[in-house]
């Protein structure tokens, strides 16, 4: 009798679906994974839904409504391993920019009947409400890193995902530092590698898509940014991007509020 394949489920909360599309973009690699597991619940790819429990749950998106809180707690119960994928799920996403304002002001401006809108005051990462076994960074995630993480948990080993700064990638590729050579603001010194240093390779500063590296030093970077002419507001806005509510970036941006 063939061994029962472990079931994997993919869940979505407030997000753009980009990280789920990264999984679909794996194509040939995904077929190899599909042969070893049962992709039991993945609405982005199929209407087929197999009930839990699941060996691995992949969660994209931030928690933004009271219903989201209830749902993620139910998902946590159904999954032996819970992995969050992308900036929204790991740091609140771009929608976490609302966390510095009163969300009621937005609902009053956008909706004709704001009293019907049920939302939390803040957009928060999944880990704020349930235990998460692994956080995979990126906006969007690196598909090869995702396959590595899934493979690692299926084989009961530690995922091999680098956590060093993007600057290391630039050096390995021979990419000239845009901040040193041109004075271009860049978050590379405090951002985790994962994109292949895409923006610096096109003479643009890093936007911090993969969030803070393992041991970042944002104050040191801010000091250098001030030396090359960036204002306190410029620095605040630089840290308020896709991973604005990641702790290291959040604290540094708040330190430069005026």
Foldseek 3Di string as FASTA:
>chain_A
DDDAFFEEAEEEDPDDCVQVVLQVVVVVLNVVVVVRHPPAYDVVVDPHHDDFLGAEYEYEAWAKFPVSLVVLVVNVVSYPAYEYFELCQPFVFLQQVQLVDAVLVVLVVPDPCSVPDTTDRGTGHSVVRDDHPYYAYFPHANNVQVSQCVVCSVVVHDRDFFQAFQVVLCVVVVQDDLCVPPVAQAPRRFAGDGPSSVQSNVSHHHQRRRHGGPDGDVVVSVVVNVVSPDALQNLLVSLSHGNCRPPVSVVSSVVSDD
